[in-house]
N, C-alpha and C. Protein backbone atom coordinates (compact mmCIF):
# COMPACT_ATOMS: atom_id res chain seq x y z
N MET A 1 38.91 71.93 58.89
CA MET A 1 39.24 71.09 60.05
C MET A 1 39.89 69.60 59.75
N GLU A 2 39.99 69.60 58.64
CA GLU A 2 41.25 68.55 58.28
C GLU A 2 42.61 68.91 58.69
N ARG A 3 42.83 69.97 58.27
CA ARG A 3 44.27 70.75 58.61
C ARG A 3 44.29 70.60 60.36
N PHE A 4 43.65 71.17 61.18
CA PHE A 4 43.00 71.00 62.45
C PHE A 4 43.89 69.74 62.93
N ILE A 5 43.19 68.70 62.45
CA ILE A 5 43.32 67.40 62.88
C ILE A 5 44.87 67.02 62.63
N HIS A 6 45.22 67.41 61.46
CA HIS A 6 46.79 67.18 60.70
C HIS A 6 47.92 67.70 61.48
N ASN A 7 47.83 69.00 62.26
CA ASN A 7 48.41 69.33 62.94
C ASN A 7 48.44 68.77 64.32
N GLU A 8 47.19 68.87 64.83
CA GLU A 8 47.01 68.08 66.33
C GLU A 8 47.58 66.29 66.36
N ASN A 9 47.55 65.88 65.34
CA ASN A 9 48.34 64.55 65.44
C ASN A 9 49.85 64.75 65.00
N ILE A 10 50.75 65.45 64.27
CA ILE A 10 51.85 65.70 64.19
C ILE A 10 52.23 66.02 65.64
N ARG A 11 51.34 67.18 66.43
CA ARG A 11 51.95 67.53 68.04
C ARG A 11 52.11 66.12 68.89
N ARG A 12 50.97 65.28 68.78
CA ARG A 12 51.20 64.45 69.59
C ARG A 12 51.92 63.29 69.10
N TYR A 13 52.36 63.16 68.10
CA TYR A 13 53.04 62.06 67.78
C TYR A 13 54.83 62.33 68.38
N ARG A 14 54.80 64.13 68.28
CA ARG A 14 55.98 64.44 68.71
C ARG A 14 55.94 64.24 70.18
N ARG A 15 55.07 64.44 71.12
CA ARG A 15 55.29 64.24 72.40
C ARG A 15 55.42 63.26 72.87
N LEU A 16 54.92 62.16 71.97
CA LEU A 16 54.81 60.64 72.36
C LEU A 16 56.29 60.21 72.06
N LEU A 17 56.46 60.90 70.92
CA LEU A 17 58.55 60.72 70.98
C LEU A 17 59.16 60.97 72.26
N GLU A 18 59.08 62.12 72.68
CA GLU A 18 59.43 62.78 73.50
C GLU A 18 59.31 61.79 74.73
N GLU A 19 58.13 61.16 75.11
CA GLU A 19 58.07 60.18 76.29
C GLU A 19 58.04 59.05 76.44
N GLU A 20 58.13 58.39 75.35
CA GLU A 20 58.11 57.23 74.76
C GLU A 20 59.74 56.10 75.07
N LYS A 21 59.91 55.47 75.77
CA LYS A 21 61.95 54.67 76.10
C LYS A 21 61.81 53.61 75.51
N ASN A 22 60.38 52.98 74.64
CA ASN A 22 60.73 51.61 74.19
C ASN A 22 60.96 51.78 72.67
N GLU A 23 62.26 51.30 72.06
CA GLU A 23 62.89 51.54 71.01
C GLU A 23 61.37 50.97 69.96
N ASP A 24 61.04 49.96 69.94
CA ASP A 24 59.86 49.31 68.85
C ASP A 24 58.74 50.11 68.79
N LYS A 25 58.14 50.95 69.96
CA LYS A 25 57.16 51.88 69.79
C LYS A 25 57.47 53.32 69.24
N ARG A 26 58.76 53.37 69.64
CA ARG A 26 59.29 54.87 69.19
C ARG A 26 59.71 54.62 67.84
N ALA A 27 59.96 53.69 67.01
CA ALA A 27 60.04 53.54 65.79
C ALA A 27 58.55 53.40 64.97
N ILE A 28 57.63 52.61 65.62
CA ILE A 28 56.11 52.96 64.96
C ILE A 28 55.34 54.37 65.21
N ILE A 29 55.88 55.08 66.30
CA ILE A 29 55.61 56.42 66.16
C ILE A 29 56.24 57.31 65.18
N ARG A 30 57.74 57.37 65.00
CA ARG A 30 58.44 57.88 64.02
C ARG A 30 57.78 57.59 62.70
N LYS A 31 57.21 56.22 62.66
CA LYS A 31 56.52 55.77 61.15
C LYS A 31 55.47 56.65 60.98
N LEU A 32 54.54 57.24 61.81
CA LEU A 32 53.05 57.72 62.00
C LEU A 32 53.31 58.91 61.92
N LEU A 33 54.44 59.66 62.51
CA LEU A 33 54.67 60.98 62.37
C LEU A 33 54.74 60.97 60.65
N ALA A 34 55.88 60.40 60.36
CA ALA A 34 56.79 60.92 59.39
C ALA A 34 55.46 60.52 57.95
N GLU A 35 54.47 59.69 58.06
CA GLU A 35 53.31 59.48 57.38
C GLU A 35 52.63 60.77 57.39
N GLU A 36 52.22 61.30 58.43
CA GLU A 36 51.28 62.07 58.71
C GLU A 36 51.74 63.72 58.16
N GLU A 37 53.43 63.93 58.38
CA GLU A 37 54.13 64.84 57.76
C GLU A 37 53.98 65.22 56.30
N ALA A 38 53.99 63.47 55.67
CA ALA A 38 53.85 64.00 54.21
C ALA A 38 52.63 63.97 53.94
N LYS A 39 51.44 64.08 54.46
CA LYS A 39 50.30 64.25 54.12
C LYS A 39 50.26 65.79 53.60
N ASP A 40 49.62 65.96 52.34
CA ASP A 40 49.21 66.94 51.61
C ASP A 40 47.80 68.05 52.34
N VAL A 41 47.71 68.48 53.00
CA VAL A 41 46.59 68.77 54.13
C VAL A 41 46.40 70.53 53.38
N SER A 42 46.11 70.57 52.21
CA SER A 42 45.81 72.35 51.49
C SER A 42 44.73 72.75 52.53
N ALA A 43 44.92 74.50 52.47
CA ALA A 43 44.06 75.24 53.33
C ALA A 43 42.73 75.31 52.64
N SER A 44 42.42 74.85 51.41
CA SER A 44 41.44 75.10 50.46
C SER A 44 40.08 73.96 51.00
N PRO A 45 38.88 74.67 50.88
CA PRO A 45 37.77 73.97 51.65
C PRO A 45 37.35 72.36 51.09
N PRO A 46 36.86 71.76 51.98
CA PRO A 46 36.77 70.22 51.25
C PRO A 46 35.72 70.13 50.24
N LYS A 47 35.77 69.37 49.21
CA LYS A 47 34.98 69.36 48.23
C LYS A 47 33.54 69.43 48.29
N GLY A 48 32.73 70.11 47.57
CA GLY A 48 31.61 70.31 47.60
C GLY A 48 30.98 71.41 48.82
N ARG A 49 32.04 72.50 49.52
CA ARG A 49 31.89 73.56 50.31
C ARG A 49 32.32 74.69 49.53
N GLU A 50 32.70 74.42 48.10
CA GLU A 50 33.45 76.11 47.38
C GLU A 50 31.89 76.94 47.19
N ASN A 51 31.21 76.52 47.25
CA ASN A 51 29.81 77.63 47.00
C ASN A 51 29.29 77.94 48.19
N ALA A 52 29.96 77.46 49.60
CA ALA A 52 29.01 77.34 50.38
C ALA A 52 28.84 78.95 50.82
N LYS A 53 27.68 79.55 51.34
CA LYS A 53 27.93 81.15 52.24
C LYS A 53 28.06 80.87 53.56
N HIS A 54 28.53 82.22 54.24
CA HIS A 54 28.55 82.01 55.37
C HIS A 54 28.06 83.28 55.99
N PRO A 55 27.17 83.14 56.45
CA PRO A 55 26.26 84.39 57.55
C PRO A 55 27.54 85.30 57.34
């Protein structure tokens, strides 16, 4: 789920950058995008779910 949210945040920030004309707001969006891209979102399951059984 974290990976999905991470990818959606990146997609949203990129779209906002394309649409926003105000340079101050663009700077904020670029900062948020850089922070999101820098996050290490691994494909491993969240803590406590390693031994969860799937039907």
